[in-house]
Amino acid sequence: MVHIHEKIDYVGDVFIVNEDAVLLHMHEKYDMWVPPGGHVELNEDFVEAAIREAKEETGLDVALLVDFEVDTRGKDTGVQDIYGERELPLPQFINRHRVSSTHEHISFVYFATSTTRVTNPAEGEKREGFKWFTETQLHNASDVTDRVKKYALKALLVARKTSCKD
């Protein structure tokens, strides 16, 4: 999607965990490991953007790791009350970072799980460059930024704690 603002855009990112690993992909433009995610589009909230981007970029159906169940069916399914309200879960992190000298992103970072590691990106999306990182691989990865590494390790921890509750 094109930028909807000259200076700052909102984005939704998802660190997807399957068993003992978290999925990252190599960003073509910036040549760095990042989670699936992207711009929040007009008429879309952060949760919708995160789930949509995860599905488009990976083909994975994800379940967000949040404090309450999130209805991901969308705006037109009657899940909202008559005032159009619906509760949005807090992201695990929110950060603001430079993308270029003239543009920044405010990123709403969510954690999620997937029942499979088989990626199948949507038509037109990059099909290679995905890697499932274990905790040990993340600690040893010199090509993963500190911020991404911190979030990925936290996603693994949260997923582990959540699976112990089940």
N, C-alpha and C. Protein backbone atom coordinates (compact mmCIF):
# COMPACT_ATOMS: atom_id res chain seq x y z
N MET A 1 0.84 -1.18 0.00
CA MET A 1 0.00 0.00 0.00
C MET A 1 0.88 1.23 0.00
N VAL A 2 0.41 2.28 -0.62
CA VAL A 2 1.14 3.54 -0.61
C VAL A 2 1.00 4.18 0.77
N HIS A 3 1.91 5.05 1.08
CA HIS A 3 1.85 5.75 2.36
C HIS A 3 0.64 6.66 2.39
N ILE A 4 -0.06 6.70 3.52
CA ILE A 4 -1.22 7.56 3.63
C ILE A 4 -0.89 8.87 4.34
N HIS A 5 0.36 9.02 4.71
CA HIS A 5 0.81 10.24 5.34
C HIS A 5 2.26 10.47 4.93
N GLU A 6 2.64 11.70 4.74
CA GLU A 6 4.01 12.01 4.30
C GLU A 6 5.06 11.66 5.34
N LYS A 7 4.78 11.95 6.61
CA LYS A 7 5.80 11.84 7.66
C LYS A 7 5.73 10.52 8.43
N ILE A 8 4.53 10.13 8.85
CA ILE A 8 4.38 8.97 9.73
C ILE A 8 3.24 8.09 9.24
N ASP A 9 3.47 6.78 9.23
CA ASP A 9 2.42 5.80 8.96
C ASP A 9 2.31 4.84 10.13
N TYR A 10 1.11 4.32 10.34
CA TYR A 10 0.88 3.28 11.33
C TYR A 10 1.03 1.92 10.65
N VAL A 11 1.64 0.97 11.35
CA VAL A 11 1.79 -0.37 10.83
C VAL A 11 1.43 -1.39 11.91
N GLY A 12 1.01 -2.56 11.45
CA GLY A 12 0.75 -3.69 12.34
C GLY A 12 1.75 -4.79 12.02
N ASP A 13 2.47 -5.26 13.03
CA ASP A 13 3.44 -6.33 12.87
C ASP A 13 3.03 -7.52 13.72
N VAL A 14 3.34 -8.72 13.23
CA VAL A 14 2.97 -9.95 13.96
C VAL A 14 4.17 -10.88 14.04
N PHE A 15 4.56 -11.20 15.25
CA PHE A 15 5.58 -12.22 15.48
C PHE A 15 4.84 -13.53 15.66
N ILE A 16 4.93 -14.40 14.64
CA ILE A 16 4.18 -15.66 14.61
C ILE A 16 5.04 -16.78 15.16
N VAL A 17 4.49 -17.49 16.14
CA VAL A 17 5.21 -18.59 16.78
C VAL A 17 4.55 -19.91 16.41
N ASN A 18 5.38 -20.90 16.11
CA ASN A 18 4.93 -22.27 15.93
C ASN A 18 5.90 -23.14 16.72
N GLU A 19 5.38 -23.83 17.71
CA GLU A 19 6.18 -24.66 18.61
C GLU A 19 7.31 -23.86 19.23
N ASP A 20 8.56 -24.11 18.84
CA ASP A 20 9.70 -23.46 19.50
C ASP A 20 10.39 -22.44 18.60
N ALA A 21 9.68 -21.92 17.60
CA ALA A 21 10.33 -21.00 16.66
C ALA A 21 9.39 -19.86 16.28
N VAL A 22 9.99 -18.75 15.88
CA VAL A 22 9.24 -17.57 15.45
C VAL A 22 9.64 -17.25 14.01
N LEU A 23 8.64 -16.84 13.22
CA LEU A 23 8.83 -16.60 11.80
C LEU A 23 9.27 -15.16 11.52
N LEU A 24 10.34 -15.03 10.75
CA LEU A 24 10.79 -13.74 10.24
C LEU A 24 10.99 -13.88 8.74
N HIS A 25 10.99 -12.75 8.05
CA HIS A 25 11.32 -12.80 6.62
C HIS A 25 12.29 -11.69 6.29
N MET A 26 13.07 -11.92 5.27
CA MET A 26 14.06 -10.96 4.82
C MET A 26 13.36 -9.88 4.00
N HIS A 27 13.41 -8.65 4.49
CA HIS A 27 12.79 -7.53 3.80
C HIS A 27 13.64 -7.17 2.59
N GLU A 28 13.05 -7.22 1.41
CA GLU A 28 13.79 -6.97 0.16
C GLU A 28 14.42 -5.58 0.11
N LYS A 29 13.65 -4.58 0.48
CA LYS A 29 14.10 -3.20 0.35
C LYS A 29 15.16 -2.85 1.38
N TYR A 30 15.01 -3.32 2.62
CA TYR A 30 15.91 -2.92 3.70
C TYR A 30 16.95 -3.99 4.05
N ASP A 31 16.86 -5.16 3.42
CA ASP A 31 17.83 -6.23 3.63
C ASP A 31 18.03 -6.53 5.12
N MET A 32 16.91 -6.79 5.80
CA MET A 32 16.97 -7.12 7.21
C MET A 32 15.81 -8.04 7.57
N TRP A 33 15.99 -8.83 8.62
CA TRP A 33 14.94 -9.74 9.08
C TRP A 33 13.88 -8.95 9.82
N VAL A 34 12.62 -9.15 9.44
CA VAL A 34 11.49 -8.46 10.05
C VAL A 34 10.33 -9.45 10.20
N PRO A 35 9.38 -9.13 11.07
CA PRO A 35 8.19 -9.97 11.15
C PRO A 35 7.23 -9.63 10.01
N PRO A 36 6.27 -10.49 9.73
CA PRO A 36 5.22 -10.12 8.78
C PRO A 36 4.49 -8.89 9.32
N GLY A 37 4.10 -8.03 8.42
CA GLY A 37 3.37 -6.84 8.84
C GLY A 37 3.36 -5.80 7.75
N GLY A 38 2.65 -4.73 8.01
CA GLY A 38 2.59 -3.67 7.03
C GLY A 38 1.65 -2.57 7.43
N HIS A 39 1.43 -1.67 6.51
CA HIS A 39 0.65 -0.46 6.75
C HIS A 39 -0.80 -0.76 7.12
N VAL A 40 -1.31 0.05 8.05
CA VAL A 40 -2.74 0.04 8.37
C VAL A 40 -3.42 0.83 7.26
N GLU A 41 -4.38 0.19 6.62
CA GLU A 41 -5.08 0.84 5.52
C GLU A 41 -6.24 1.67 6.06
N LEU A 42 -6.73 2.58 5.22
CA LEU A 42 -7.89 3.38 5.62
C LEU A 42 -9.05 2.46 5.96
N ASN A 43 -9.83 2.83 6.95
CA ASN A 43 -10.99 2.05 7.41
C ASN A 43 -10.58 0.71 8.02
N GLU A 44 -9.38 0.61 8.55
CA GLU A 44 -8.88 -0.63 9.14
C GLU A 44 -8.25 -0.27 10.48
N ASP A 45 -8.40 -1.15 11.48
CA ASP A 45 -7.71 -0.90 12.74
C ASP A 45 -6.42 -1.71 12.79
N PHE A 46 -5.67 -1.56 13.87
CA PHE A 46 -4.35 -2.19 13.98
C PHE A 46 -4.43 -3.71 13.99
N VAL A 47 -5.44 -4.24 14.65
CA VAL A 47 -5.61 -5.69 14.72
C VAL A 47 -5.93 -6.25 13.35
N GLU A 48 -6.88 -5.61 12.66
CA GLU A 48 -7.23 -6.05 11.32
C GLU A 48 -6.02 -6.01 10.39
N ALA A 49 -5.24 -4.94 10.48
CA ALA A 49 -4.06 -4.81 9.63
C ALA A 49 -3.04 -5.91 9.92
N ALA A 50 -2.80 -6.17 11.20
CA ALA A 50 -1.82 -7.19 11.58
C ALA A 50 -2.23 -8.56 11.06
N ILE A 51 -3.48 -8.92 11.26
CA ILE A 51 -3.98 -10.23 10.82
C ILE A 51 -3.99 -10.33 9.29
N ARG A 52 -4.44 -9.27 8.63
CA ARG A 52 -4.46 -9.25 7.15
C ARG A 52 -3.06 -9.36 6.58
N GLU A 53 -2.14 -8.58 7.11
CA GLU A 53 -0.76 -8.61 6.60
C GLU A 53 -0.12 -9.97 6.84
N ALA A 54 -0.36 -10.56 8.01
CA ALA A 54 0.20 -11.89 8.28
C ALA A 54 -0.32 -12.90 7.26
N LYS A 55 -1.61 -12.84 6.97
CA LYS A 55 -2.21 -13.77 6.01
C LYS A 55 -1.67 -13.52 4.60
N GLU A 56 -1.63 -12.26 4.18
CA GLU A 56 -1.14 -11.94 2.83
C GLU A 56 0.32 -12.35 2.65
N GLU A 57 1.15 -12.00 3.61
CA GLU A 57 2.59 -12.22 3.45
C GLU A 57 3.02 -13.67 3.66
N THR A 58 2.27 -14.41 4.49
CA THR A 58 2.70 -15.77 4.83
C THR A 58 1.72 -16.85 4.41
N GLY A 59 0.44 -16.50 4.26
CA GLY A 59 -0.58 -17.50 3.99
C GLY A 59 -1.03 -18.21 5.25
N LEU A 60 -0.48 -17.82 6.40
CA LEU A 60 -0.82 -18.50 7.65
C LEU A 60 -2.05 -17.88 8.30
N ASP A 61 -2.89 -18.75 8.84
CA ASP A 61 -3.97 -18.30 9.71
C ASP A 61 -3.39 -18.22 11.11
N VAL A 62 -3.50 -17.06 11.73
CA VAL A 62 -2.88 -16.88 13.04
C VAL A 62 -3.92 -16.63 14.11
N ALA A 63 -3.55 -16.98 15.33
CA ALA A 63 -4.36 -16.67 16.51
C ALA A 63 -3.54 -15.72 17.36
N LEU A 64 -4.04 -14.50 17.54
CA LEU A 64 -3.31 -13.53 18.33
C LEU A 64 -3.24 -13.97 19.79
N LEU A 65 -2.11 -13.73 20.41
CA LEU A 65 -1.92 -14.01 21.83
C LEU A 65 -2.30 -12.75 22.61
N VAL A 66 -3.56 -12.71 23.01
CA VAL A 66 -4.09 -11.53 23.70
C VAL A 66 -4.90 -11.98 24.91
N ASP A 67 -5.30 -11.02 25.73
CA ASP A 67 -6.00 -11.33 26.97
C ASP A 67 -7.45 -11.77 26.79
N PHE A 68 -8.02 -11.51 25.63
CA PHE A 68 -9.38 -11.96 25.37
C PHE A 68 -9.49 -12.36 23.91
N GLU A 69 -10.53 -13.13 23.61
CA GLU A 69 -10.69 -13.63 22.25
C GLU A 69 -11.00 -12.48 21.30
N VAL A 70 -10.32 -12.46 20.18
CA VAL A 70 -10.51 -11.43 19.17
C VAL A 70 -11.34 -12.00 18.05
N ASP A 71 -12.42 -11.30 17.71
CA ASP A 71 -13.24 -11.72 16.58
C ASP A 71 -12.63 -11.10 15.34
N THR A 72 -12.12 -11.93 14.44
CA THR A 72 -11.42 -11.44 13.25
C THR A 72 -12.29 -11.49 12.01
N ARG A 73 -13.60 -11.64 12.18
CA ARG A 73 -14.46 -11.77 11.00
C ARG A 73 -14.65 -10.48 10.24
N GLY A 74 -14.33 -9.35 10.85
CA GLY A 74 -14.42 -8.09 10.12
C GLY A 74 -15.59 -7.24 10.52
N LYS A 75 -15.67 -6.11 9.88
CA LYS A 75 -16.63 -5.08 10.25
C LYS A 75 -18.06 -5.39 9.83
N ASP A 76 -18.23 -6.17 8.79
CA ASP A 76 -19.55 -6.33 8.20
C ASP A 76 -20.25 -7.63 8.60
N THR A 77 -19.88 -8.19 9.73
CA THR A 77 -20.45 -9.48 10.11
C THR A 77 -21.36 -9.40 11.32
N GLY A 78 -21.62 -8.19 11.81
CA GLY A 78 -22.52 -8.06 12.94
C GLY A 78 -21.85 -8.30 14.28
N VAL A 79 -20.53 -8.36 14.33
CA VAL A 79 -19.87 -8.59 15.61
C VAL A 79 -19.76 -7.32 16.44
N GLN A 80 -19.96 -6.17 15.82
CA GLN A 80 -19.92 -4.93 16.56
C GLN A 80 -21.31 -4.63 17.10
N ASP A 81 -21.36 -3.81 18.16
CA ASP A 81 -22.66 -3.42 18.67
C ASP A 81 -23.26 -2.34 17.76
N ILE A 82 -24.43 -1.84 18.12
CA ILE A 82 -25.12 -0.89 17.25
C ILE A 82 -24.35 0.42 17.07
N TYR A 83 -23.40 0.71 17.94
CA TYR A 83 -22.61 1.93 17.82
C TYR A 83 -21.31 1.70 17.05
N GLY A 84 -21.11 0.48 16.56
CA GLY A 84 -19.92 0.19 15.81
C GLY A 84 -18.69 -0.02 16.68
N GLU A 85 -18.91 -0.27 17.96
CA GLU A 85 -17.78 -0.46 18.87
C GLU A 85 -17.36 -1.92 18.91
N ARG A 86 -16.06 -2.11 19.08
CA ARG A 86 -15.54 -3.43 19.41
C ARG A 86 -14.23 -3.22 20.15
N GLU A 87 -13.98 -4.10 21.07
CA GLU A 87 -12.77 -4.00 21.88
C GLU A 87 -11.57 -4.43 21.06
N LEU A 88 -10.48 -3.68 21.17
CA LEU A 88 -9.24 -4.02 20.51
C LEU A 88 -8.21 -4.38 21.58
N PRO A 89 -7.55 -5.51 21.43
CA PRO A 89 -6.54 -5.88 22.41
C PRO A 89 -5.31 -4.99 22.29
N LEU A 90 -4.68 -4.76 23.41
CA LEU A 90 -3.45 -3.99 23.40
C LEU A 90 -2.36 -4.78 22.70
N PRO A 91 -1.52 -4.09 21.95
CA PRO A 91 -0.37 -4.79 21.36
C PRO A 91 0.64 -5.11 22.46
N GLN A 92 1.56 -6.00 22.16
CA GLN A 92 2.63 -6.33 23.10
C GLN A 92 3.61 -5.16 23.22
N PHE A 93 3.84 -4.48 22.11
CA PHE A 93 4.73 -3.33 22.07
C PHE A 93 4.19 -2.31 21.08
N ILE A 94 4.55 -1.07 21.29
CA ILE A 94 4.33 0.00 20.31
C ILE A 94 5.67 0.71 20.18
N ASN A 95 6.13 0.89 18.95
CA ASN A 95 7.38 1.63 18.80
C ASN A 95 7.29 2.57 17.62
N ARG A 96 8.13 3.56 17.66
CA ARG A 96 8.25 4.52 16.56
C ARG A 96 9.68 4.43 16.05
N HIS A 97 9.82 4.22 14.76
CA HIS A 97 11.16 4.07 14.20
C HIS A 97 11.25 4.71 12.82
N ARG A 98 12.44 5.14 12.49
CA ARG A 98 12.70 5.75 11.17
C ARG A 98 12.78 4.66 10.11
N VAL A 99 12.16 4.93 8.98
CA VAL A 99 12.25 4.07 7.82
C VAL A 99 13.21 4.71 6.82
N SER A 100 13.22 6.03 6.81
CA SER A 100 14.15 6.80 5.97
C SER A 100 14.37 8.13 6.68
N SER A 101 15.12 8.99 6.07
CA SER A 101 15.39 10.29 6.69
C SER A 101 14.15 11.18 6.73
N THR A 102 13.14 10.84 5.95
CA THR A 102 11.93 11.67 5.89
C THR A 102 10.65 10.94 6.31
N HIS A 103 10.77 9.66 6.69
CA HIS A 103 9.56 8.89 6.98
C HIS A 103 9.75 7.98 8.19
N GLU A 104 8.69 7.86 8.99
CA GLU A 104 8.71 7.03 10.18
C GLU A 104 7.49 6.13 10.22
N HIS A 105 7.60 5.07 11.00
CA HIS A 105 6.48 4.18 11.28
C HIS A 105 6.21 4.14 12.77
N ILE A 106 4.95 4.11 13.12
CA ILE A 106 4.54 3.76 14.47
C ILE A 106 3.98 2.35 14.35
N SER A 107 4.67 1.42 14.99
CA SER A 107 4.36 0.00 14.82
C SER A 107 3.64 -0.55 16.04
N PHE A 108 2.50 -1.20 15.78
CA PHE A 108 1.74 -1.91 16.81
C PHE A 108 2.11 -3.38 16.67
N VAL A 109 2.81 -3.90 17.65
CA VAL A 109 3.42 -5.22 17.57
C VAL A 109 2.58 -6.24 18.33
N TYR A 110 2.11 -7.25 17.61
CA TYR A 110 1.32 -8.34 18.20
C TYR A 110 2.09 -9.65 18.13
N PHE A 111 1.75 -10.56 19.01
CA PHE A 111 2.28 -11.92 18.99
C PHE A 111 1.12 -12.84 18.61
N ALA A 112 1.44 -13.92 17.88
CA ALA A 112 0.42 -14.86 17.44
C ALA A 112 1.02 -16.25 17.33
N THR A 113 0.14 -17.23 17.20
CA THR A 113 0.58 -18.60 16.95
C THR A 113 -0.03 -19.08 15.64
N SER A 114 0.62 -20.09 15.09
CA SER A 114 0.15 -20.76 13.89
C SER A 114 0.27 -22.25 14.13
N THR A 115 -0.62 -23.02 13.53
CA THR A 115 -0.58 -24.47 13.70
C THR A 115 0.35 -25.15 12.70
N THR A 116 0.93 -24.38 11.80
CA THR A 116 1.81 -24.94 10.78
C THR A 116 2.97 -24.00 10.49
N ARG A 117 4.02 -24.55 9.90
CA ARG A 117 5.15 -23.73 9.45
C ARG A 117 5.19 -23.61 7.93
N VAL A 118 4.17 -24.12 7.26
CA VAL A 118 4.13 -24.10 5.80
C VAL A 118 3.57 -22.75 5.35
N THR A 119 4.43 -21.94 4.74
CA THR A 119 3.98 -20.63 4.26
C THR A 119 3.47 -20.74 2.83
N ASN A 120 2.48 -19.91 2.53
CA ASN A 120 1.89 -19.86 1.20
C ASN A 120 1.39 -18.44 0.95
N PRO A 121 2.32 -17.51 0.68
CA PRO A 121 1.94 -16.10 0.52
C PRO A 121 0.91 -15.89 -0.59
N ALA A 122 0.17 -14.79 -0.44
CA ALA A 122 -0.84 -14.42 -1.44
C ALA A 122 -0.18 -14.08 -2.77
N GLU A 123 -0.98 -14.12 -3.81
CA GLU A 123 -0.52 -13.75 -5.15
C GLU A 123 0.15 -12.39 -5.11
N GLY A 124 1.32 -12.29 -5.71
CA GLY A 124 2.05 -11.03 -5.76
C GLY A 124 2.97 -10.78 -4.59
N GLU A 125 2.88 -11.60 -3.55
CA GLU A 125 3.77 -11.45 -2.39
C GLU A 125 5.04 -12.27 -2.61
N LYS A 126 6.10 -11.86 -1.95
CA LYS A 126 7.37 -12.57 -2.02
C LYS A 126 7.20 -13.98 -1.46
N ARG A 127 7.69 -14.98 -2.17
CA ARG A 127 7.45 -16.37 -1.78
C ARG A 127 8.62 -17.01 -1.06
N GLU A 128 9.79 -16.39 -1.09
CA GLU A 128 10.94 -16.97 -0.41
C GLU A 128 11.48 -15.96 0.61
N GLY A 129 12.50 -16.38 1.36
CA GLY A 129 13.10 -15.48 2.33
C GLY A 129 12.52 -15.59 3.72
N PHE A 130 11.74 -16.66 3.98
CA PHE A 130 11.19 -16.88 5.31
C PHE A 130 12.13 -17.79 6.10
N LYS A 131 12.18 -17.57 7.40
CA LYS A 131 12.97 -18.44 8.26
C LYS A 131 12.32 -18.50 9.64
N TRP A 132 12.22 -19.73 10.15
CA TRP A 132 11.74 -19.95 11.51
C TRP A 132 12.96 -19.97 12.43
N PHE A 133 13.04 -19.01 13.35
CA PHE A 133 14.17 -18.87 14.26
C PHE A 133 13.83 -19.45 15.63
N THR A 134 14.69 -20.31 16.14
CA THR A 134 14.56 -20.79 17.53
C THR A 134 15.20 -19.75 18.44
N GLU A 135 15.01 -19.93 19.74
CA GLU A 135 15.61 -19.02 20.71
C GLU A 135 17.14 -18.98 20.56
N THR A 136 17.76 -20.14 20.43
CA THR A 136 19.21 -20.21 20.28
C THR A 136 19.66 -19.50 19.00
N GLN A 137 18.94 -19.73 17.91
CA GLN A 137 19.30 -19.07 16.64
C GLN A 137 19.19 -17.55 16.76
N LEU A 138 18.16 -17.08 17.47
CA LEU A 138 18.01 -15.64 17.65
C LEU A 138 19.18 -15.07 18.45
N HIS A 139 19.54 -15.74 19.54
CA HIS A 139 20.65 -15.26 20.35
C HIS A 139 21.94 -15.19 19.55
N ASN A 140 22.12 -16.11 18.61
CA ASN A 140 23.36 -16.18 17.82
C ASN A 140 23.30 -15.40 16.51
N ALA A 141 22.14 -14.83 16.19
CA ALA A 141 21.97 -14.16 14.90
C ALA A 141 22.56 -12.76 14.93
N SER A 142 23.56 -12.54 14.11
CA SER A 142 24.15 -11.21 14.02
C SER A 142 23.43 -10.34 13.00
N ASP A 143 22.55 -10.95 12.20
CA ASP A 143 21.84 -10.21 11.16
C ASP A 143 20.39 -9.89 11.52
N VAL A 144 20.05 -10.01 12.83
CA VAL A 144 18.73 -9.63 13.32
C VAL A 144 18.94 -8.43 14.25
N THR A 145 18.21 -7.34 14.01
CA THR A 145 18.39 -6.14 14.83
C THR A 145 18.02 -6.42 16.28
N ASP A 146 18.54 -5.62 17.17
CA ASP A 146 18.26 -5.80 18.60
C ASP A 146 16.77 -5.71 18.90
N ARG A 147 16.09 -4.75 18.26
CA ARG A 147 14.65 -4.59 18.50
C ARG A 147 13.88 -5.82 18.05
N VAL A 148 14.13 -6.30 16.84
CA VAL A 148 13.44 -7.49 16.33
C VAL A 148 13.77 -8.70 17.18
N LYS A 149 15.01 -8.83 17.56
CA LYS A 149 15.43 -9.95 18.41
C LYS A 149 14.70 -9.92 19.75
N LYS A 150 14.63 -8.74 20.37
CA LYS A 150 13.94 -8.60 21.66
C LYS A 150 12.47 -9.02 21.55
N TYR A 151 11.79 -8.54 20.51
CA TYR A 151 10.38 -8.86 20.33
C TYR A 151 10.18 -10.34 20.02
N ALA A 152 11.04 -10.90 19.18
CA ALA A 152 10.92 -12.31 18.81
C ALA A 152 11.13 -13.21 20.03
N LEU A 153 12.11 -12.89 20.84
CA LEU A 153 12.36 -13.69 22.06
C LEU A 153 11.19 -13.58 23.03
N LYS A 154 10.63 -12.40 23.15
CA LYS A 154 9.47 -12.20 24.02
C LYS A 154 8.26 -12.97 23.47
N ALA A 155 8.08 -13.00 22.16
CA ALA A 155 6.98 -13.75 21.55
C ALA A 155 7.10 -15.23 21.89
N LEU A 156 8.30 -15.77 21.81
CA LEU A 156 8.52 -17.18 22.16
C LEU A 156 8.17 -17.43 23.62
N LEU A 157 8.55 -16.53 24.50
CA LEU A 157 8.27 -16.66 25.93
C LEU A 157 6.76 -16.60 26.20
N VAL A 158 6.09 -15.63 25.62
CA VAL A 158 4.64 -15.48 25.81
C VAL A 158 3.90 -16.69 25.27
N ALA A 159 4.29 -17.17 24.09
CA ALA A 159 3.64 -18.36 23.51
C ALA A 159 3.86 -19.58 24.40
N ARG A 160 5.05 -19.73 24.93
CA ARG A 160 5.36 -20.84 25.82
C ARG A 160 4.49 -20.80 27.08
N LYS A 161 4.38 -19.60 27.67
CA LYS A 161 3.56 -19.44 28.88
C LYS A 161 2.09 -19.69 28.57
N THR A 162 1.63 -19.23 27.42
CA THR A 162 0.23 -19.42 27.03
C THR A 162 -0.08 -20.89 26.81
N SER A 163 0.84 -21.62 26.19
CA SER A 163 0.60 -23.05 25.93
C SER A 163 0.61 -23.85 27.22
N CYS A 164 1.32 -23.37 28.23
CA CYS A 164 1.33 -24.06 29.53
C CYS A 164 0.00 -23.90 30.25
N LYS A 165 -0.74 -22.80 29.96
CA LYS A 165 -2.04 -22.56 30.60
C LYS A 165 -3.11 -23.48 30.04
N ASP A 166 -2.94 -23.92 28.78
CA ASP A 166 -3.99 -24.71 28.10
C ASP A 166 -4.14 -26.08 28.66
